[in-house]
């Protein structure tokens, strides 16, 4: 059975994409800890990050780094935090969260953003993503 993220990759569920290449996809979290909270995923469906083959793992980190730089260019923040938790969706995903306060990394702190705000933000981040 396909994961929620595989359905996003396949276009069955919409997402606010900020970057994509042949192997990876980055899109805004719909329940963000902070403005710009982005998920980076491999298109290959694997449950746990340390079960990825080494090449895919390293390329995911390189892709995530590029997305983080785009976030820094788009959103005023002290830094971009990274977390790999993966309990809610059994598909590897890296959380990139623009941080101004440690509470934004707790996954207890959420910000409200409507669909239009997410769409505009995704477009701004995408413009700052360098391939």
C-alpha atoms as a PDB file:
ATOM      1  CA  UNK A   1       0.000   0.000   0.000  1.00  0.00           C
ATOM      2  CA  UNK A   2       1.315   3.442  -0.926  1.00  0.00           C
ATOM      3  CA  UNK A   3       2.207   5.895   1.807  1.00  0.00           C
ATOM      4  CA  UNK A   4       0.733   9.380   1.970  1.00  0.00           C
ATOM      5  CA  UNK A   5       4.040  10.691   0.597  1.00  0.00           C
ATOM      6  CA  UNK A   6       4.011   8.256  -2.323  1.00  0.00           C
ATOM      7  CA  UNK A   7       0.543   9.535  -3.157  1.00  0.00           C
ATOM      8  CA  UNK A   8       1.950  13.089  -3.166  1.00  0.00           C
ATOM      9  CA  UNK A   9       4.820  11.973  -5.427  1.00  0.00           C
ATOM     10  CA  UNK A  10       2.330  10.329  -7.800  1.00  0.00           C
ATOM     11  CA  UNK A  11       0.099  13.424  -7.873  1.00  0.00           C
ATOM     12  CA  UNK A  12      -2.819  11.659  -6.185  1.00  0.00           C
ATOM     13  CA  UNK A  13      -2.682  14.171  -3.318  1.00  0.00           C
ATOM     14  CA  UNK A  14      -1.720  17.811  -3.806  1.00  0.00           C
ATOM     15  CA  UNK A  15       1.183  19.420  -1.988  1.00  0.00           C
ATOM     16  CA  UNK A  16       2.929  22.778  -1.939  1.00  0.00           C
ATOM     17  CA  UNK A  17       6.148  21.732  -3.654  1.00  0.00           C
ATOM     18  CA  UNK A  18       9.279  23.819  -3.221  1.00  0.00           C
ATOM     19  CA  UNK A  19      11.858  21.649  -5.012  1.00  0.00           C
ATOM     20  CA  UNK A  20      11.979  18.441  -7.002  1.00  0.00           C
ATOM     21  CA  UNK A  21      14.369  16.382  -9.042  1.00  0.00           C
ATOM     22  CA  UNK A  22      14.352  12.850 -10.416  1.00  0.00           C
ATOM     23  CA  UNK A  23      14.910  11.237  -6.995  1.00  0.00           C
ATOM     24  CA  UNK A  24      13.672  13.671  -4.335  1.00  0.00           C
ATOM     25  CA  UNK A  25      10.822  16.012  -3.509  1.00  0.00           C
ATOM     26  CA  UNK A  26      10.499  18.875  -1.008  1.00  0.00           C
ATOM     27  CA  UNK A  27       7.157  20.315   0.025  1.00  0.00           C
ATOM     28  CA  UNK A  28       5.715  22.436   2.812  1.00  0.00           C
ATOM     29  CA  UNK A  29       4.390  20.685   5.904  1.00  0.00           C
ATOM     30  CA  UNK A  30       0.628  21.338   6.144  1.00  0.00           C
ATOM     31  CA  UNK A  31       0.862  21.420   9.956  1.00  0.00           C
ATOM     32  CA  UNK A  32       4.042  23.492  10.347  1.00  0.00           C
ATOM     33  CA  UNK A  33       6.075  24.094  13.477  1.00  0.00           C
ATOM     34  CA  UNK A  34       7.187  27.396  11.925  1.00  0.00           C
ATOM     35  CA  UNK A  35       6.661  29.319   8.708  1.00  0.00           C
ATOM     36  CA  UNK A  36       8.533  27.439   5.979  1.00  0.00           C
ATOM     37  CA  UNK A  37       8.591  24.018   7.699  1.00  0.00           C
ATOM     38  CA  UNK A  38       9.494  21.758   4.782  1.00  0.00           C
ATOM     39  CA  UNK A  39       9.702  18.012   4.283  1.00  0.00           C
ATOM     40  CA  UNK A  40      12.354  16.483   2.023  1.00  0.00           C
ATOM     41  CA  UNK A  41      11.654  12.941   0.882  1.00  0.00           C
ATOM     42  CA  UNK A  42      13.156  10.366  -1.441  1.00  0.00           C
ATOM     43  CA  UNK A  43      10.780   9.292  -4.176  1.00  0.00           C
ATOM     44  CA  UNK A  44      11.765   5.736  -3.404  1.00  0.00           C
ATOM     45  CA  UNK A  45       9.447   4.480  -0.661  1.00  0.00           C
ATOM     46  CA  UNK A  46      11.563   3.379   2.308  1.00  0.00           C
ATOM     47  CA  UNK A  47      10.292   3.398   5.896  1.00  0.00           C
ATOM     48  CA  UNK A  48      13.433   4.257   7.917  1.00  0.00           C
ATOM     49  CA  UNK A  49      16.248   6.650   7.041  1.00  0.00           C
ATOM     50  CA  UNK A  50      18.997   4.232   8.031  1.00  0.00           C
ATOM     51  CA  UNK A  51      17.500   1.596   5.731  1.00  0.00           C
ATOM     52  CA  UNK A  52      18.271   3.801   2.712  1.00  0.00           C
ATOM     53  CA  UNK A  53      21.176   2.658   0.611  1.00  0.00           C
ATOM     54  CA  UNK A  54      24.226   4.832   1.178  1.00  0.00           C
ATOM     55  CA  UNK A  55      24.012   6.708  -2.130  1.00  0.00           C
ATOM     56  CA  UNK A  56      20.350   7.629  -1.619  1.00  0.00           C
ATOM     57  CA  UNK A  57      21.036   8.696   1.979  1.00  0.00           C
ATOM     58  CA  UNK A  58      23.909  10.967   0.929  1.00  0.00           C
ATOM     59  CA  UNK A  59      21.953  12.440  -1.977  1.00  0.00           C
ATOM     60  CA  UNK A  60      18.971  13.102   0.311  1.00  0.00           C
ATOM     61  CA  UNK A  61      21.268  15.065   2.632  1.00  0.00           C
ATOM     62  CA  UNK A  62      22.680  17.062  -0.328  1.00  0.00           C
ATOM     63  CA  UNK A  63      19.159  17.781  -1.598  1.00  0.00           C
ATOM     64  CA  UNK A  64      18.043  18.791   1.909  1.00  0.00           C
ATOM     65  CA  UNK A  65      21.022  21.141   2.205  1.00  0.00           C
ATOM     66  CA  UNK A  66      20.016  22.927  -1.015  1.00  0.00           C
ATOM     67  CA  UNK A  67      16.443  23.245   0.225  1.00  0.00           C
ATOM     68  CA  UNK A  68      17.711  24.623   3.560  1.00  0.00           C
ATOM     69  CA  UNK A  69      19.691  27.306   1.702  1.00  0.00           C
ATOM     70  CA  UNK A  70      16.539  28.257  -0.233  1.00  0.00           C
ATOM     71  CA  UNK A  71      14.634  28.502   3.061  1.00  0.00           C
ATOM     72  CA  UNK A  72      17.322  30.778   4.531  1.00  0.00           C
ATOM     73  CA  UNK A  73      17.070  33.060   1.490  1.00  0.00           C
ATOM     74  CA  UNK A  74      13.287  33.234   1.806  1.00  0.00           C
ATOM     75  CA  UNK A  75      12.467  33.302   5.513  1.00  0.00           C
ATOM     76  CA  UNK A  76      14.021  35.455   8.216  1.00  0.00           C
ATOM     77  CA  UNK A  77      15.427  32.971  10.726  1.00  0.00           C
ATOM     78  CA  UNK A  78      18.470  32.390  12.899  1.00  0.00           C
ATOM     79  CA  UNK A  79      19.075  28.995  11.298  1.00  0.00           C
ATOM     80  CA  UNK A  80      17.321  26.056   9.698  1.00  0.00           C
ATOM     81  CA  UNK A  81      16.951  23.105  12.031  1.00  0.00           C
ATOM     82  CA  UNK A  82      16.755  19.525  10.843  1.00  0.00           C
ATOM     83  CA  UNK A  83      14.949  16.562  12.370  1.00  0.00           C
ATOM     84  CA  UNK A  84      14.326  13.014  11.246  1.00  0.00           C
ATOM     85  CA  UNK A  85      11.561  11.442  13.278  1.00  0.00           C
ATOM     86  CA  UNK A  86       9.377   9.501  10.883  1.00  0.00           C
ATOM     87  CA  UNK A  87       6.778   8.055  13.218  1.00  0.00           C
ATOM     88  CA  UNK A  88       3.669   9.500  11.574  1.00  0.00           C
ATOM     89  CA  UNK A  89       4.306   8.467   7.959  1.00  0.00           C
ATOM     90  CA  UNK A  90       6.287   5.278   7.202  1.00  0.00           C
ATOM     91  CA  UNK A  91       8.294   6.972   4.443  1.00  0.00           C
ATOM     92  CA  UNK A  92      11.675   8.610   5.042  1.00  0.00           C
ATOM     93  CA  UNK A  93      11.343  12.355   5.528  1.00  0.00           C
ATOM     94  CA  UNK A  94      13.658  15.100   6.717  1.00  0.00           C
ATOM     95  CA  UNK A  95      12.030  18.039   8.497  1.00  0.00           C
ATOM     96  CA  UNK A  96      13.663  21.391   7.727  1.00  0.00           C
ATOM     97  CA  UNK A  97      12.386  24.067  10.097  1.00  0.00           C
ATOM     98  CA  UNK A  98      13.357  27.759  10.000  1.00  0.00           C
ATOM     99  CA  UNK A  99      14.181  28.564  13.625  1.00  0.00           C
ATOM    100  CA  UNK A 100      14.087  31.686  15.715  1.00  0.00           C
ATOM    101  CA  UNK A 101      13.277  29.901  18.979  1.00  0.00           C
ATOM    102  CA  UNK A 102      13.891  26.364  20.275  1.00  0.00           C
ATOM    103  CA  UNK A 103      10.156  25.813  20.799  1.00  0.00           C
ATOM    104  CA  UNK A 104       9.821  25.590  17.010  1.00  0.00           C
ATOM    105  CA  UNK A 105      11.674  22.242  17.096  1.00  0.00           C
ATOM    106  CA  UNK A 106       9.407  20.639  19.682  1.00  0.00           C
ATOM    107  CA  UNK A 107       6.622  19.530  17.330  1.00  0.00           C
ATOM    108  CA  UNK A 108       4.268  20.910  19.996  1.00  0.00           C
ATOM    109  CA  UNK A 109       4.475  24.434  18.594  1.00  0.00           C
ATOM    110  CA  UNK A 110       2.408  25.007  15.457  1.00  0.00           C
ATOM    111  CA  UNK A 111       1.670  28.022  13.263  1.00  0.00           C
ATOM    112  CA  UNK A 112      -1.532  28.602  11.331  1.00  0.00           C
ATOM    113  CA  UNK A 113      -1.190  29.028   7.575  1.00  0.00           C
ATOM    114  CA  UNK A 114      -4.017  28.787   5.078  1.00  0.00           C
ATOM    115  CA  UNK A 115      -3.759  27.193   1.648  1.00  0.00           C
ATOM    116  CA  UNK A 116      -3.119  30.518  -0.116  1.00  0.00           C
ATOM    117  CA  UNK A 117      -0.335  31.445   2.303  1.00  0.00           C
ATOM    118  CA  UNK A 118       1.269  28.019   1.820  1.00  0.00           C
ATOM    119  CA  UNK A 119       1.038  28.326  -1.974  1.00  0.00           C
ATOM    120  CA  UNK A 120       2.647  31.786  -1.992  1.00  0.00           C
ATOM    121  CA  UNK A 121       5.395  30.670   0.371  1.00  0.00           C
ATOM    122  CA  UNK A 122       6.120  27.536  -1.664  1.00  0.00           C
ATOM    123  CA  UNK A 123       6.509  29.651  -4.797  1.00  0.00           C
ATOM    124  CA  UNK A 124       8.902  32.045  -3.015  1.00  0.00           C
ATOM    125  CA  UNK A 125      11.058  29.210  -1.698  1.00  0.00           C
ATOM    126  CA  UNK A 126      11.064  27.494  -5.099  1.00  0.00           C
ATOM    127  CA  UNK A 127      12.409  30.685  -6.686  1.00  0.00           C
ATOM    128  CA  UNK A 128      15.367  30.546  -4.282  1.00  0.00           C
ATOM    129  CA  UNK A 129      16.117  26.856  -4.853  1.00  0.00           C
ATOM    130  CA  UNK A 130      19.320  26.427  -6.833  1.00  0.00           C
ATOM    131  CA  UNK A 131      19.592  23.207  -8.785  1.00  0.00           C
END
